[in-house]
Amino acid sequence: MNFFGTFGSDDKEPLQLLIPVVERALHAHQAGNYQEYLSVITSDLAAKVTKESFMRAHREVAPQFGTLQSKTFLASLRRDENPMLLFSAKFSATEDDIVINVTFKNGTEPPLIDWLWIE
């Protein structure tokens, strides 16, 4: 079962719209580019993720993972009327599978991320 909110109801169109936003956020995180990160997140998330906390996560977490090698879309779930996308990812510095959880704010144009968690 998939839930994409206002971004579409099938698997194809919403993913074509949302995955490039996920890729920009992941690139920003890996590169330590806070301005790029701000361009794809809601103001609510920006209030929670300061530049200092973003840079700390970049310095401490990014080296543990290495570079993103691949990611596979697993599912879309509903979280408070918002679509949450789950991915399994492979990074260069770990053999573990990494879960990426991205929640979009329903109805935003362009689509904006309301929560991003990498574990």
Protein backbone atom coordinates (compact mmCIF):
# COMPACT_ATOMS: atom_id res chain seq x y z
CA MET A 1 0.00 0.00 0.00
CA ASN A 2 1.38 3.39 -0.99
CA PHE A 3 0.47 6.85 0.22
CA PHE A 4 1.77 9.84 -1.72
CA GLY A 5 -0.70 12.48 -0.51
CA THR A 6 -1.22 15.35 -2.95
CA PHE A 7 1.82 14.29 -4.97
CA GLY A 8 -0.08 11.48 -6.74
CA SER A 9 -1.71 8.11 -6.22
CA ASP A 10 0.36 5.70 -8.29
CA ASP A 11 4.00 4.65 -7.91
CA LYS A 12 5.43 6.34 -10.99
CA GLU A 13 4.52 10.05 -11.09
CA PRO A 14 5.04 10.88 -7.38
CA LEU A 15 8.40 9.12 -7.27
CA GLN A 16 9.58 10.99 -10.37
CA LEU A 17 8.66 14.20 -8.56
CA LEU A 18 9.92 13.37 -5.06
CA ILE A 19 13.09 11.32 -5.59
CA PRO A 20 15.06 14.24 -7.11
CA VAL A 21 14.26 16.24 -3.96
CA VAL A 22 15.52 13.36 -1.81
CA GLU A 23 18.69 13.22 -3.92
CA ARG A 24 19.30 16.97 -3.45
CA ALA A 25 18.87 16.64 0.32
CA LEU A 26 21.25 13.67 0.48
CA HIS A 27 23.79 15.47 -1.70
CA ALA A 28 23.57 18.54 0.55
CA HIS A 29 24.09 16.38 3.62
CA GLN A 30 27.06 14.57 2.13
CA ALA A 31 28.66 17.80 0.82
CA GLY A 32 27.92 19.78 3.99
CA ASN A 33 25.97 22.37 1.98
CA TYR A 34 23.45 23.88 4.38
CA GLN A 35 22.07 26.35 1.80
CA GLU A 36 21.26 23.52 -0.60
CA TYR A 37 19.62 21.64 2.28
CA LEU A 38 17.50 24.68 3.15
CA SER A 39 16.23 24.81 -0.44
CA VAL A 40 14.43 21.46 -0.10
CA ILE A 41 13.08 21.55 3.47
CA THR A 42 10.17 23.25 5.21
CA SER A 43 10.66 26.22 7.50
CA ASP A 44 9.55 23.99 10.40
CA LEU A 45 12.40 21.57 9.74
CA ALA A 46 14.83 24.45 9.19
CA ALA A 47 13.92 25.74 12.67
CA LYS A 48 14.85 22.32 14.12
CA VAL A 49 18.04 21.78 12.10
CA THR A 50 20.31 24.75 12.66
CA LYS A 51 23.40 25.31 10.57
CA GLU A 52 25.51 24.23 13.54
CA SER A 53 23.64 20.96 14.07
CA PHE A 54 23.66 20.27 10.32
CA MET A 55 27.41 20.80 10.12
CA ARG A 56 27.99 18.66 13.22
CA ALA A 57 26.00 15.80 11.65
CA HIS A 58 27.98 16.26 8.43
CA ARG A 59 31.32 16.07 10.27
CA GLU A 60 30.36 13.16 12.53
CA VAL A 61 28.01 11.00 10.47
CA ALA A 62 29.10 11.44 6.86
CA PRO A 63 32.58 9.89 7.39
CA GLN A 64 31.02 6.85 9.09
CA PHE A 65 28.83 6.20 6.04
CA GLY A 66 31.11 7.31 3.23
CA THR A 67 29.54 8.12 -0.11
CA LEU A 68 26.12 6.96 -1.20
CA GLN A 69 26.49 4.00 -3.56
CA SER A 70 22.84 3.14 -4.19
CA LYS A 71 19.36 3.46 -2.75
CA THR A 72 16.21 1.44 -3.25
CA PHE A 73 12.70 2.73 -2.66
CA LEU A 74 10.91 0.42 -0.21
CA ALA A 75 7.54 1.99 0.57
CA SER A 76 5.45 5.07 1.06
CA LEU A 77 3.54 5.39 4.32
CA ARG A 78 1.18 7.93 5.84
CA ARG A 79 2.49 10.08 8.68
CA ASP A 80 0.05 12.74 9.92
CA GLU A 81 -1.45 13.19 6.45
CA ASN A 82 2.03 13.48 4.94
CA PRO A 83 3.81 10.97 2.69
CA MET A 84 6.82 9.27 4.26
CA LEU A 85 9.18 7.53 1.85
CA LEU A 86 11.42 4.73 3.06
CA PHE A 87 14.63 3.72 1.30
CA SER A 88 17.31 1.13 1.85
CA ALA A 89 20.75 2.52 0.97
CA LYS A 90 24.31 1.33 0.54
CA PHE A 91 27.22 3.60 1.49
CA SER A 92 30.90 3.09 0.77
CA ALA A 93 32.24 3.03 4.35
CA THR A 94 29.85 0.47 5.85
CA GLU A 95 28.59 -2.95 4.92
CA ASP A 96 25.35 -2.35 6.81
CA ASP A 97 22.15 -1.43 5.05
CA ILE A 98 21.15 2.12 5.95
CA VAL A 99 17.51 3.21 6.29
CA ILE A 100 16.57 6.62 4.91
CA ASN A 101 13.25 8.02 6.08
CA VAL A 102 12.00 11.14 4.29
CA THR A 103 8.67 12.78 5.13
CA PHE A 104 7.32 15.40 2.74
CA LYS A 105 4.89 18.16 3.72
CA ASN A 106 1.68 17.37 1.87
CA GLY A 107 0.58 20.08 -0.56
CA THR A 108 3.88 21.96 -0.85
CA GLU A 109 4.85 23.25 -4.28
CA PRO A 110 7.60 22.52 -5.02
CA PRO A 111 7.67 19.47 -2.73
CA LEU A 112 9.44 20.18 0.56
CA ILE A 113 10.88 17.74 3.09
CA ASP A 114 9.40 18.00 6.58
CA TRP A 115 11.64 15.34 8.15
CA LEU A 116 14.77 13.44 7.10
CA TRP A 117 16.36 10.64 9.10
CA ILE A 118 19.33 8.50 8.08
CA GLU A 119 20.19 5.52 10.30
